[in-house]
C-alpha atoms as a PDB file:
ATOM      1  CA  MET A   1      43.154-109.959 -56.079  1.00  0.00           C
ATOM      2  CA  THR A   2      43.979-110.328 -52.403  1.00  0.00           C
ATOM      3  CA  SER A   3      46.850-111.726 -50.432  1.00  0.00           C
ATOM      4  CA  ARG A   4      45.070-113.389 -47.524  1.00  0.00           C
ATOM      5  CA  ARG A   5      45.978-114.740 -44.125  1.00  0.00           C
ATOM      6  CA  ARG A   6      44.039-117.763 -42.948  1.00  0.00           C
ATOM      7  CA  GLY A   7      41.974-117.765 -39.797  1.00  0.00           C
ATOM      8  CA  GLY A   8      40.467-115.010 -37.678  1.00  0.00           C
ATOM      9  CA  GLY A   9      37.227-113.205 -38.268  1.00  0.00           C
ATOM     10  CA  LEU A  10      34.187-111.991 -36.399  1.00  0.00           C
ATOM     11  CA  SER A  11      32.698-114.793 -34.333  1.00  0.00           C
ATOM     12  CA  ASN A  12      29.367-116.224 -35.488  1.00  0.00           C
ATOM     13  CA  ALA A  13      27.819-115.481 -32.089  1.00  0.00           C
ATOM     14  CA  SER A  14      28.939-111.863 -32.129  1.00  0.00           C
ATOM     15  CA  SER A  15      27.839-111.382 -35.739  1.00  0.00           C
ATOM     16  CA  SER A  16      24.428-112.993 -35.159  1.00  0.00           C
ATOM     17  CA  ARG A  17      23.802-110.937 -32.016  1.00  0.00           C
ATOM     18  CA  SER A  18      24.707-107.730 -33.795  1.00  0.00           C
ATOM     19  CA  THR A  19      22.492-108.579 -36.777  1.00  0.00           C
ATOM     20  CA  ARG A  20      19.498-109.323 -34.516  1.00  0.00           C
ATOM     21  CA  LEU A  21      19.968-106.036 -32.699  1.00  0.00           C
ATOM     22  CA  ARG A  22      20.214-104.136 -35.974  1.00  0.00           C
ATOM     23  CA  THR A  23      16.935-105.619 -37.188  1.00  0.00           C
ATOM     24  CA  GLN A  24      15.199-104.629 -33.962  1.00  0.00           C
ATOM     25  CA  HIS A  25      16.559-101.081 -33.956  1.00  0.00           C
ATOM     26  CA  SER A  26      16.765-100.229 -37.664  1.00  0.00           C
ATOM     27  CA  THR A  27      15.593 -96.757 -38.634  1.00  0.00           C
ATOM     28  CA  THR A  28      13.780 -95.551 -41.733  1.00  0.00           C
ATOM     29  CA  TYR A  29      15.881 -93.389 -44.034  1.00  0.00           C
ATOM     30  CA  SER A  30      14.534 -90.092 -45.334  1.00  0.00           C
ATOM     31  CA  ALA A  31      17.122 -87.414 -46.140  1.00  0.00           C
ATOM     32  CA  ARG A  32      18.659 -85.588 -49.037  1.00  0.00           C
ATOM     33  CA  SER A  33      21.898 -87.324 -50.026  1.00  0.00           C
ATOM     34  CA  ASN A  34      24.086 -88.557 -52.839  1.00  0.00           C
ATOM     35  CA  MET A  35      22.708 -91.978 -53.770  1.00  0.00           C
ATOM     36  CA  THR A  36      24.545 -94.889 -55.356  1.00  0.00           C
ATOM     37  CA  GLY A  37      22.962 -98.340 -55.081  1.00  0.00           C
ATOM     38  CA  MET A  38      22.439 -99.355 -51.460  1.00  0.00           C
ATOM     39  CA  TRP A  39      24.677 -96.589 -50.135  1.00  0.00           C
ATOM     40  CA  ARG A  40      23.773 -92.966 -49.424  1.00  0.00           C
ATOM     41  CA  GLU A  41      26.511 -90.415 -48.840  1.00  0.00           C
ATOM     42  CA  LEU A  42      25.655 -88.017 -46.011  1.00  0.00           C
ATOM     43  CA  ALA A  43      27.144 -85.042 -44.229  1.00  0.00           C
ATOM     44  CA  ALA A  44      28.416 -85.822 -40.718  1.00  0.00           C
ATOM     45  CA  ASP A  45      25.425 -84.352 -38.870  1.00  0.00           C
ATOM     46  CA  ASP A  46      22.952 -86.084 -41.189  1.00  0.00           C
ATOM     47  CA  LEU A  47      24.717 -89.407 -40.688  1.00  0.00           C
ATOM     48  CA  LEU A  48      24.502 -89.078 -36.907  1.00  0.00           C
ATOM     49  CA  ALA A  49      20.818 -88.140 -37.020  1.00  0.00           C
ATOM     50  CA  MET A  50      19.719 -90.763 -39.537  1.00  0.00           C
ATOM     51  CA  THR A  51      21.667 -93.641 -37.967  1.00  0.00           C
ATOM     52  CA  ALA A  52      21.062 -92.916 -34.262  1.00  0.00           C
ATOM     53  CA  ALA A  53      18.704 -95.849 -33.640  1.00  0.00           C
ATOM     54  CA  TYR A  54      20.838 -98.164 -35.764  1.00  0.00           C
ATOM     55  CA  ARG A  55      24.027 -97.195 -33.918  1.00  0.00           C
ATOM     56  CA  GLN A  56      22.361 -97.533 -30.530  1.00  0.00           C
ATOM     57  CA  ALA A  57      22.046-101.273 -31.204  1.00  0.00           C
ATOM     58  CA  ASP A  58      25.863-101.468 -31.263  1.00  0.00           C
ATOM     59  CA  PRO A  59      27.401 -98.195 -30.041  1.00  0.00           C
ATOM     60  CA  ILE A  60      30.772 -99.879 -29.549  1.00  0.00           C
ATOM     61  CA  GLY A  61      31.119-101.340 -33.043  1.00  0.00           C
ATOM     62  CA  THR A  62      30.026 -98.093 -34.702  1.00  0.00           C
ATOM     63  CA  ASN A  63      31.995 -95.789 -32.394  1.00  0.00           C
ATOM     64  CA  GLN A  64      35.028 -95.274 -34.601  1.00  0.00           C
ATOM     65  CA  ILE A  65      32.914 -93.842 -37.410  1.00  0.00           C
ATOM     66  CA  ALA A  66      30.630 -91.892 -35.073  1.00  0.00           C
ATOM     67  CA  SER A  67      33.511 -90.254 -33.186  1.00  0.00           C
ATOM     68  CA  VAL A  68      34.886 -88.808 -36.423  1.00  0.00           C
ATOM     69  CA  ALA A  69      31.415 -87.596 -37.426  1.00  0.00           C
ATOM     70  CA  VAL A  70      30.800 -86.025 -34.004  1.00  0.00           C
ATOM     71  CA  SER A  71      33.932 -83.908 -34.344  1.00  0.00           C
ATOM     72  CA  HIS A  72      33.295 -83.190 -38.054  1.00  0.00           C
ATOM     73  CA  GLY A  73      36.717 -84.742 -38.657  1.00  0.00           C
ATOM     74  CA  ALA A  74      38.385 -82.040 -36.555  1.00  0.00           C
ATOM     75  CA  TRP A  75      40.804 -84.480 -34.891  1.00  0.00           C
ATOM     76  CA  LEU A  76      41.524 -86.597 -37.987  1.00  0.00           C
ATOM     77  CA  SER A  77      43.572 -85.110 -40.822  1.00  0.00           C
ATOM     78  CA  GLY A  78      42.449 -85.455 -44.434  1.00  0.00           C
ATOM     79  CA  GLU A  79      39.127 -85.579 -46.253  1.00  0.00           C
ATOM     80  CA  ASN A  80      36.320 -87.430 -44.449  1.00  0.00           C
ATOM     81  CA  ARG A  81      33.228 -88.854 -46.173  1.00  0.00           C
ATOM     82  CA  PHE A  82      30.352 -90.828 -44.639  1.00  0.00           C
ATOM     83  CA  TRP A  83      27.841 -93.348 -45.997  1.00  0.00           C
ATOM     84  CA  THR A  84      24.869 -95.273 -44.726  1.00  0.00           C
ATOM     85  CA  ALA A  85      23.497 -98.428 -46.343  1.00  0.00           C
ATOM     86  CA  VAL A  86      19.739 -98.389 -46.883  1.00  0.00           C
ATOM     87  CA  ASP A  87      17.820-101.614 -47.462  1.00  0.00           C
ATOM     88  CA  GLY A  88      14.045-101.587 -47.800  1.00  0.00           C
ATOM     89  CA  GLY A  89      13.949 -97.998 -46.585  1.00  0.00           C
ATOM     90  CA  LYS A  90      15.850 -98.832 -43.400  1.00  0.00           C
ATOM     91  CA  VAL A  91      19.431 -98.188 -42.324  1.00  0.00           C
ATOM     92  CA  SER A  92      21.498-101.377 -42.416  1.00  0.00           C
ATOM     93  CA  GLY A  93      25.103-100.169 -42.178  1.00  0.00           C
ATOM     94  CA  VAL A  94      27.505 -97.251 -41.846  1.00  0.00           C
ATOM     95  CA  ALA A  95      30.923 -96.629 -43.351  1.00  0.00           C
ATOM     96  CA  MET A  96      33.401 -93.813 -43.752  1.00  0.00           C
ATOM     97  CA  TYR A  97      36.425 -92.874 -45.829  1.00  0.00           C
ATOM     98  CA  ASN A  98      39.410 -90.835 -44.691  1.00  0.00           C
ATOM     99  CA  ALA A  99      42.066 -89.824 -47.184  1.00  0.00           C
ATOM    100  CA  VAL A 100      44.874 -90.881 -44.804  1.00  0.00           C
ATOM    101  CA  ARG A 101      43.380 -93.809 -42.858  1.00  0.00           C
ATOM    102  CA  GLY A 102      41.220 -95.353 -45.582  1.00  0.00           C
ATOM    103  CA  VAL A 103      37.818 -97.046 -45.228  1.00  0.00           C
ATOM    104  CA  TRP A 104      36.069 -98.163 -42.034  1.00  0.00           C
ATOM    105  CA  ILE A 105      33.101-100.515 -42.332  1.00  0.00           C
ATOM    106  CA  ASP A 106      30.910-101.142 -39.306  1.00  0.00           C
ATOM    107  CA  PRO A 107      30.817-104.745 -38.009  1.00  0.00           C
ATOM    108  CA  SER A 108      27.272-105.532 -39.131  1.00  0.00           C
ATOM    109  CA  VAL A 109      27.554-104.584 -42.805  1.00  0.00           C
ATOM    110  CA  VAL A 110      26.633-107.637 -44.887  1.00  0.00           C
ATOM    111  CA  SER A 111      28.761-108.863 -47.789  1.00  0.00           C
ATOM    112  CA  ALA A 112      26.463-107.622 -50.565  1.00  0.00           C
ATOM    113  CA  HIS A 113      26.483-104.099 -49.162  1.00  0.00           C
ATOM    114  CA  ALA A 114      30.244-104.168 -48.599  1.00  0.00           C
ATOM    115  CA  ASN A 115      30.733-105.228 -52.210  1.00  0.00           C
ATOM    116  CA  ASP A 116      28.559-102.322 -53.374  1.00  0.00           C
ATOM    117  CA  LEU A 117      30.601 -99.967 -51.209  1.00  0.00           C
ATOM    118  CA  GLY A 118      33.755-101.150 -52.968  1.00  0.00           C
ATOM    119  CA  HIS A 119      32.243-100.172 -56.320  1.00  0.00           C
ATOM    120  CA  GLU A 120      31.126 -96.825 -54.877  1.00  0.00           C
ATOM    121  CA  LEU A 121      34.610 -95.951 -53.570  1.00  0.00           C
ATOM    122  CA  ALA A 122      36.287 -97.048 -56.795  1.00  0.00           C
ATOM    123  CA  SER A 123      34.085 -94.673 -58.781  1.00  0.00           C
ATOM    124  CA  SER A 124      34.034 -91.710 -56.395  1.00  0.00           C
ATOM    125  CA  VAL A 125      37.640 -91.603 -55.090  1.00  0.00           C
ATOM    126  CA  ASP A 126      40.265 -91.046 -57.773  1.00  0.00           C
ATOM    127  CA  ARG A 127      43.288 -92.106 -55.748  1.00  0.00           C
ATOM    128  CA  VAL A 128      43.852 -95.654 -54.550  1.00  0.00           C
ATOM    129  CA  ILE A 129      42.487 -95.898 -51.021  1.00  0.00           C
ATOM    130  CA  PRO A 130      45.211 -96.699 -48.465  1.00  0.00           C
ATOM    131  CA  LEU A 131      43.433 -99.183 -46.164  1.00  0.00           C
ATOM    132  CA  ALA A 132      40.158-100.937 -45.428  1.00  0.00           C
ATOM    133  CA  MET A 133      39.049-102.096 -41.979  1.00  0.00           C
ATOM    134  CA  GLY A 134      36.043-104.130 -40.876  1.00  0.00           C
ATOM    135  CA  SER A 135      34.982-107.715 -40.265  1.00  0.00           C
ATOM    136  CA  HIS A 136      36.838-110.289 -42.372  1.00  0.00           C
ATOM    137  CA  THR A 137      33.683-111.087 -44.327  1.00  0.00           C
ATOM    138  CA  ALA A 138      32.841-107.465 -45.081  1.00  0.00           C
ATOM    139  CA  VAL A 139      36.394-106.492 -45.998  1.00  0.00           C
ATOM    140  CA  GLN A 140      36.780-109.428 -48.382  1.00  0.00           C
ATOM    141  CA  ALA A 141      33.529-108.436 -50.104  1.00  0.00           C
ATOM    142  CA  PHE A 142      34.636-104.796 -50.219  1.00  0.00           C
ATOM    143  CA  ILE A 143      37.962-105.817 -51.775  1.00  0.00           C
ATOM    144  CA  ASP A 144      36.163-107.861 -54.419  1.00  0.00           C
ATOM    145  CA  GLY A 145      33.939-104.938 -55.390  1.00  0.00           C
ATOM    146  CA  TYR A 146      36.749-102.397 -55.278  1.00  0.00           C
ATOM    147  CA  THR A 147      39.329-104.364 -57.269  1.00  0.00           C
ATOM    148  CA  ARG A 148      36.783-105.474 -59.897  1.00  0.00           C
ATOM    149  CA  ALA A 149      36.032-101.815 -60.522  1.00  0.00           C
ATOM    150  CA  ARG A 150      39.771-101.161 -60.906  1.00  0.00           C
ATOM    151  CA  PRO A 151      40.827-104.199 -62.992  1.00  0.00           C
ATOM    152  CA  ASN A 152      44.540-105.057 -63.115  1.00  0.00           C
ATOM    153  CA  ASN A 153      45.371-101.933 -61.168  1.00  0.00           C
ATOM    154  CA  VAL A 154      45.068-102.523 -57.422  1.00  0.00           C
ATOM    155  CA  LYS A 155      46.371-105.196 -55.067  1.00  0.00           C
ATOM    156  CA  ALA A 156      45.014-105.769 -51.540  1.00  0.00           C
ATOM    157  CA  THR A 157      47.302-107.309 -48.916  1.00  0.00           C
ATOM    158  CA  TRP A 158      46.405-108.363 -45.385  1.00  0.00           C
ATOM    159  CA  LYS A 159      48.062-106.107 -42.822  1.00  0.00           C
ATOM    160  CA  LYS A 160      46.828-107.202 -39.397  1.00  0.00           C
ATOM    161  CA  ASP A 161      43.937-108.429 -37.293  1.00  0.00           C
ATOM    162  CA  VAL A 162      42.731-106.100 -34.565  1.00  0.00           C
ATOM    163  CA  LEU A 163      40.606-106.754 -31.494  1.00  0.00           C
ATOM    164  CA  LEU A 164      37.988-104.359 -30.163  1.00  0.00           C
ATOM    165  CA  TYR A 165      37.677-104.467 -26.364  1.00  0.00           C
ATOM    166  CA  VAL A 166      35.051-102.797 -24.197  1.00  0.00           C
ATOM    167  CA  LEU A 167      34.973-101.945 -20.501  1.00  0.00           C
ATOM    168  CA  GLU A 168      31.391-102.477 -19.372  1.00  0.00           C
ATOM    169  CA  LYS A 169      31.923-101.552 -15.707  1.00  0.00           C
ATOM    170  CA  PRO A 170      34.260 -99.459 -13.530  1.00  0.00           C
ATOM    171  CA  ILE A 171      37.903-100.282 -14.209  1.00  0.00           C
ATOM    172  CA  ASP A 172      39.214-103.151 -12.050  1.00  0.00           C
ATOM    173  CA  LEU A 173      42.880-102.221 -12.207  1.00  0.00           C
ATOM    174  CA  ASP A 174      44.212 -99.699  -9.676  1.00  0.00           C
ATOM    175  CA  ALA A 175      46.782 -97.419 -11.325  1.00  0.00           C
ATOM    176  CA  ASN A 176      48.242 -96.660  -7.882  1.00  0.00           C
ATOM    177  CA  ARG A 177      49.849-100.093  -7.808  1.00  0.00           C
ATOM    178  CA  PHE A 178      52.297 -98.904 -10.471  1.00  0.00           C
ATOM    179  CA  ARG A 179      55.231 -96.629  -9.880  1.00  0.00           C
ATOM    180  CA  GLY A 180      54.632 -93.125 -11.167  1.00  0.00           C
ATOM    181  CA  ASP A 181      51.887 -90.557 -11.609  1.00  0.00           C
ATOM    182  CA  PHE A 182      49.151 -89.743 -14.111  1.00  0.00           C
ATOM    183  CA  ARG A 183      48.611 -86.159 -15.202  1.00  0.00           C
ATOM    184  CA  LEU A 184      47.324 -83.922 -17.996  1.00  0.00           C
ATOM    185  CA  ALA A 185      49.942 -82.975 -20.590  1.00  0.00           C
ATOM    186  CA  ASN A 186      51.176 -79.375 -20.578  1.00  0.00           C
ATOM    187  CA  ALA A 187      50.586 -77.620 -23.908  1.00  0.00           C
ATOM    188  CA  ASP A 188      53.373 -75.089 -23.326  1.00  0.00           C
ATOM    189  CA  LYS A 189      56.059 -77.575 -22.320  1.00  0.00           C
ATOM    190  CA  GLU A 190      55.289 -80.956 -23.882  1.00  0.00           C
ATOM    191  CA  GLN A 191      53.809 -80.450 -27.331  1.00  0.00           C
ATOM    192  CA  GLU A 192      57.105 -81.090 -29.132  1.00  0.00           C
ATOM    193  CA  LEU A 193      57.752 -84.176 -26.995  1.00  0.00           C
ATOM    194  CA  LEU A 194      54.345 -85.607 -27.861  1.00  0.00           C
ATOM    195  CA  VAL A 195      54.760 -84.942 -31.581  1.00  0.00           C
ATOM    196  CA  GLY A 196      57.941 -87.023 -31.479  1.00  0.00           C
ATOM    197  CA  TRP A 197      56.244 -89.740 -29.472  1.00  0.00           C
ATOM    198  CA  LEU A 198      53.330 -89.904 -31.916  1.00  0.00           C
ATOM    199  CA  HIS A 199      55.783 -90.437 -34.779  1.00  0.00           C
ATOM    200  CA  ALA A 200      57.461 -93.159 -32.698  1.00  0.00           C
ATOM    201  CA  PHE A 201      54.099 -94.797 -32.011  1.00  0.00           C
ATOM    202  CA  GLU A 202      53.227 -94.859 -35.722  1.00  0.00           C
ATOM    203  CA  ALA A 203      56.578 -96.454 -36.519  1.00  0.00           C
ATOM    204  CA  TYR A 204      56.130 -98.989 -33.704  1.00  0.00           C
ATOM    205  CA  VAL A 205      52.707-100.151 -34.936  1.00  0.00           C
ATOM    206  CA  ASN A 206      53.565 -99.701 -38.629  1.00  0.00           C
ATOM    207  CA  ALA A 207      50.785 -97.142 -39.150  1.00  0.00           C
ATOM    208  CA  ARG A 208      50.510 -94.600 -41.937  1.00  0.00           C
ATOM    209  CA  PRO A 209      51.957 -91.256 -40.747  1.00  0.00           C
ATOM    210  CA  CYS A 210      49.414 -88.629 -39.807  1.00  0.00           C
ATOM    211  CA  ASP A 211      49.792 -84.873 -39.358  1.00  0.00           C
ATOM    212  CA  ALA A 212      51.332 -85.289 -35.909  1.00  0.00           C
ATOM    213  CA  PRO A 213      51.654 -81.583 -34.977  1.00  0.00           C
ATOM    214  CA  SER A 214      47.988 -81.001 -35.838  1.00  0.00           C
ATOM    215  CA  PHE A 215      46.844 -84.145 -33.993  1.00  0.00           C
ATOM    216  CA  ILE A 216      48.728 -83.159 -30.836  1.00  0.00           C
ATOM    217  CA  GLU A 217      47.591 -79.536 -31.003  1.00  0.00           C
ATOM    218  CA  LYS A 218      43.944 -80.614 -31.276  1.00  0.00           C
ATOM    219  CA  GLY A 219      44.389 -83.092 -28.431  1.00  0.00           C
ATOM    220  CA  MET A 220      45.871 -80.367 -26.245  1.00  0.00           C
ATOM    221  CA  LYS A 221      42.924 -78.063 -26.956  1.00  0.00           C
ATOM    222  CA  ARG A 222      40.508 -80.837 -25.971  1.00  0.00           C
ATOM    223  CA  GLU A 223      42.558 -81.517 -22.815  1.00  0.00           C
ATOM    224  CA  ALA A 224      42.625 -85.124 -23.973  1.00  0.00           C
ATOM    225  CA  LEU A 225      46.369 -85.890 -23.781  1.00  0.00           C
ATOM    226  CA  PHE A 226      47.720 -87.446 -20.597  1.00  0.00           C
ATOM    227  CA  LEU A 227      51.157 -88.541 -19.417  1.00  0.00           C
ATOM    228  CA  TRP A 228      52.533 -91.169 -17.094  1.00  0.00           C
ATOM    229  CA  GLU A 229      55.661 -89.903 -15.403  1.00  0.00           C
ATOM    230  CA  VAL A 230      58.148 -91.578 -13.083  1.00  0.00           C
ATOM    231  CA  ASP A 231      60.215 -89.407 -10.742  1.00  0.00           C
ATOM    232  CA  GLY A 232      59.026 -86.379 -12.695  1.00  0.00           C
ATOM    233  CA  VAL A 233      60.087 -87.784 -16.084  1.00  0.00           C
ATOM    234  CA  PRO A 234      57.376 -88.619 -18.682  1.00  0.00           C
ATOM    235  CA  VAL A 235      57.594 -92.230 -19.911  1.00  0.00           C
ATOM    236  CA  GLY A 236      54.418 -92.535 -21.989  1.00  0.00           C
ATOM    237  CA  PHE A 237      51.181 -90.929 -23.082  1.00  0.00           C
ATOM    238  CA  ALA A 238      47.545 -91.786 -23.720  1.00  0.00           C
ATOM    239  CA  THR A 239      44.651 -90.017 -25.361  1.00  0.00           C
ATOM    240  CA  TYR A 240      41.091 -90.690 -26.463  1.00  0.00           C
ATOM    241  CA  SER A 241      38.867 -89.854 -29.413  1.00  0.00           C
ATOM    242  CA  PRO A 242      35.986 -87.374 -29.153  1.00  0.00           C
ATOM    243  CA  PRO A 243      33.265 -89.044 -27.046  1.00  0.00           C
ATOM    244  CA  VAL A 244      29.982 -90.127 -28.594  1.00  0.00           C
ATOM    245  CA  ALA A 245      26.741 -89.601 -26.666  1.00  0.00           C
ATOM    246  CA  ILE A 246      24.056 -92.060 -27.718  1.00  0.00           C
ATOM    247  CA  GLY A 247      20.867 -92.893 -25.873  1.00  0.00           C
ATOM    248  CA  ASN A 248      21.508 -92.303 -22.187  1.00  0.00           C
ATOM    249  CA  GLU A 249      25.216 -93.178 -22.252  1.00  0.00           C
ATOM    250  CA  THR A 250      28.556 -91.900 -23.492  1.00  0.00           C
ATOM    251  CA  ILE A 251      31.125 -94.021 -25.328  1.00  0.00           C
ATOM    252  CA  PHE A 252      34.837 -93.239 -25.035  1.00  0.00           C
ATOM    253  CA  ARG A 253      37.514 -94.866 -27.194  1.00  0.00           C
ATOM    254  CA  LEU A 254      41.104 -94.858 -25.945  1.00  0.00           C
ATOM    255  CA  GLY A 255      44.155 -94.580 -28.158  1.00  0.00           C
ATOM    256  CA  PRO A 256      46.899 -94.168 -28.969  1.00  0.00           C
ATOM    257  CA  ILE A 257      48.511 -95.468 -25.771  1.00  0.00           C
ATOM    258  CA  PHE A 258      52.306 -95.411 -25.994  1.00  0.00           C
ATOM    259  CA  VAL A 259      55.262 -96.092 -23.700  1.00  0.00           C
ATOM    260  CA  VAL A 260      58.759 -95.172 -24.810  1.00  0.00           C
ATOM    261  CA  GLU A 261      61.294 -97.858 -25.624  1.00  0.00           C
ATOM    262  CA  GLY A 262      63.315 -98.760 -22.556  1.00  0.00           C
ATOM    263  CA  GLU A 263      60.360 -98.216 -20.220  1.00  0.00           C
ATOM    264  CA  ARG A 264      58.144-101.001 -21.534  1.00  0.00           C
ATOM    265  CA  ARG A 265      57.175-104.164 -19.637  1.00  0.00           C
ATOM    266  CA  LYS A 266      57.007-102.197 -16.401  1.00  0.00           C
ATOM    267  CA  GLY A 267      53.236-101.853 -16.338  1.00  0.00           C
ATOM    268  CA  TYR A 268      53.115 -98.233 -17.467  1.00  0.00           C
ATOM    269  CA  GLY A 269      50.818 -98.989 -20.408  1.00  0.00           C
ATOM    270  CA  SER A 270      48.402-100.720 -18.034  1.00  0.00           C
ATOM    271  CA  ALA A 271      48.706 -97.799 -15.633  1.00  0.00           C
ATOM    272  CA  LEU A 272      47.847 -95.289 -18.365  1.00  0.00           C
ATOM    273  CA  THR A 273      44.879 -97.388 -19.489  1.00  0.00           C
ATOM    274  CA  ALA A 274      43.535 -97.756 -15.957  1.00  0.00           C
ATOM    275  CA  ALA A 275      44.074 -94.131 -14.973  1.00  0.00           C
ATOM    276  CA  LEU A 276      42.551 -92.682 -18.138  1.00  0.00           C
ATOM    277  CA  SER A 277      39.578 -95.070 -18.025  1.00  0.00           C
ATOM    278  CA  ARG A 278      38.876 -94.144 -14.414  1.00  0.00           C
ATOM    279  CA  HIS A 279      39.261 -90.431 -15.153  1.00  0.00           C
ATOM    280  CA  LEU A 280      36.736 -90.615 -18.011  1.00  0.00           C
ATOM    281  CA  GLN A 281      34.276 -92.723 -16.033  1.00  0.00           C
ATOM    282  CA  GLN A 282      34.412 -90.487 -12.976  1.00  0.00           C
ATOM    283  CA  THR A 283      34.143 -87.167 -14.814  1.00  0.00           C
ATOM    284  CA  CYS A 284      31.360 -88.169 -17.226  1.00  0.00           C
ATOM    285  CA  SER A 285      27.884 -86.940 -16.284  1.00  0.00           C
ATOM    286  CA  THR A 286      26.134 -89.953 -17.859  1.00  0.00           C
ATOM    287  CA  PRO A 287      26.627 -93.720 -17.670  1.00  0.00           C
ATOM    288  CA  SER A 288      29.635 -94.539 -19.836  1.00  0.00           C
ATOM    289  CA  ARG A 289      31.628 -97.305 -21.429  1.00  0.00           C
ATOM    290  CA  VAL A 290      35.225 -97.313 -22.611  1.00  0.00           C
ATOM    291  CA  CYS A 291      36.544 -99.205 -25.623  1.00  0.00           C
ATOM    292  CA  LEU A 292      39.844 -99.593 -27.455  1.00  0.00           C
ATOM    293  CA  TYR A 293      41.493-101.420 -30.343  1.00  0.00           C
ATOM    294  CA  THR A 294      44.646-103.488 -30.064  1.00  0.00           C
ATOM    295  CA  ASP A 295      46.749-105.690 -32.316  1.00  0.00           C
ATOM    296  CA  ALA A 296      45.567-109.301 -32.115  1.00  0.00           C
ATOM    297  CA  ASN A 297      49.207-110.427 -32.266  1.00  0.00           C
ATOM    298  CA  ASN A 298      50.273-108.472 -29.171  1.00  0.00           C
ATOM    299  CA  PRO A 299      49.699-110.928 -26.291  1.00  0.00           C
ATOM    300  CA  ALA A 300      51.095-108.577 -23.640  1.00  0.00           C
ATOM    301  CA  SER A 301      48.620-105.783 -24.356  1.00  0.00           C
ATOM    302  CA  ASN A 302      45.711-108.201 -24.736  1.00  0.00           C
ATOM    303  CA  LYS A 303      46.491-109.768 -21.364  1.00  0.00           C
ATOM    304  CA  ALA A 304      46.747-106.343 -19.737  1.00  0.00           C
ATOM    305  CA  TYR A 305      43.344-105.248 -21.043  1.00  0.00           C
ATOM    306  CA  LEU A 306      41.662-108.483 -19.981  1.00  0.00           C
ATOM    307  CA  ASN A 307      43.218-108.178 -16.518  1.00  0.00           C
ATOM    308  CA  ALA A 308      41.867-104.632 -16.275  1.00  0.00           C
ATOM    309  CA  GLY A 309      38.312-105.827 -16.892  1.00  0.00           C
ATOM    310  CA  PHE A 310      37.950-105.259 -20.640  1.00  0.00           C
ATOM    311  CA  VAL A 311      36.074-107.933 -22.592  1.00  0.00           C
ATOM    312  CA  LEU A 312      36.296-108.781 -26.281  1.00  0.00           C
ATOM    313  CA  HIS A 313      33.612-107.161 -28.421  1.00  0.00           C
ATOM    314  CA  SER A 314      34.661-108.221 -31.942  1.00  0.00           C
ATOM    315  CA  THR A 315      37.521-108.992 -34.287  1.00  0.00           C
ATOM    316  CA  ALA A 316      38.358-106.972 -37.375  1.00  0.00           C
ATOM    317  CA  CYS A 317      41.064-106.922 -40.028  1.00  0.00           C
ATOM    318  CA  ARG A 318      42.985-104.313 -41.965  1.00  0.00           C
ATOM    319  CA  TYR A 319      44.048-104.648 -45.587  1.00  0.00           C
ATOM    320  CA  ARG A 320      46.455-102.363 -47.412  1.00  0.00           C
ATOM    321  CA  PHE A 321      45.886-101.340 -51.043  1.00  0.00           C
ATOM    322  CA  THR A 322      48.737-100.690 -53.457  1.00  0.00           C
ATOM    323  CA  VAL A 323      49.017-100.041 -57.162  1.00  0.00           C
ATOM    324  CA  ARG A 324      49.963-103.232 -58.973  1.00  0.00           C
ATOM    325  CA  GLU A 325      53.276-103.122 -60.813  1.00  0.00           C
ATOM    326  CA  PRO A 326      52.861-103.341 -64.619  1.00  0.00           C
END
């Protein structure tokens, strides 16, 4: 059973375009794996190898899953598992499960496959999964399969709609127009500060808590944590997930981006976004694109990203799963 919000969803044009591209670039599957129905569970490296052509058709929509696989889950706490859907011997979808963040389903997974994935997760993961994210159509089908396999036990409730934006060209917004400076975070001096800020960010966006000290430590080692400071005082931070090289380009995904309470609505979030995007574009040795997720119900952030040159790629939703009260 689901508690649903009306409206939203992946646009027909975006869905049709993605489906056409998938058909043109699908790849034949041949690998050792755990097999259940349409879905094949793979190790991270096998997933990346077997789905390369498929993902190249939509490297933005599949980036969240690929970035975790690229790092072997090193930046994301908890167990990580990966699946690819195989239809007629060809890859037709990718998905992953993280013990803390739940299930991610790529935008082009069709309803029948998403439903099968729900059955697969219900049988192979003992605990109730925390969240599911994907297109509205796919997530609804996943919920149906998952809850049918756990009758009278699990309830799914809509949490939020999220928008995936992509920067297809050099950033338009000049960070120098904002007061302050952009710099790399200092591991010796600012790790504790950033741990606290990550907890504050999770509370602000109502996200499930992660292992903040581990996340920050890994970000410091990657030199992927940056600050915006005003008069020498940090007011916010930004980071990015491990980049994914595919074809002749590199895809970066920004986030989290956070500005402390009391310093918001001064443009610092836009400044961080612009400065980090430019830094990644200028230091990358290949052509690159930058993407990010944001809450569909946050008009200020959506306006800022559009003004900076980002364009909408697709819409997704998140549902939370809880154990039904007897």
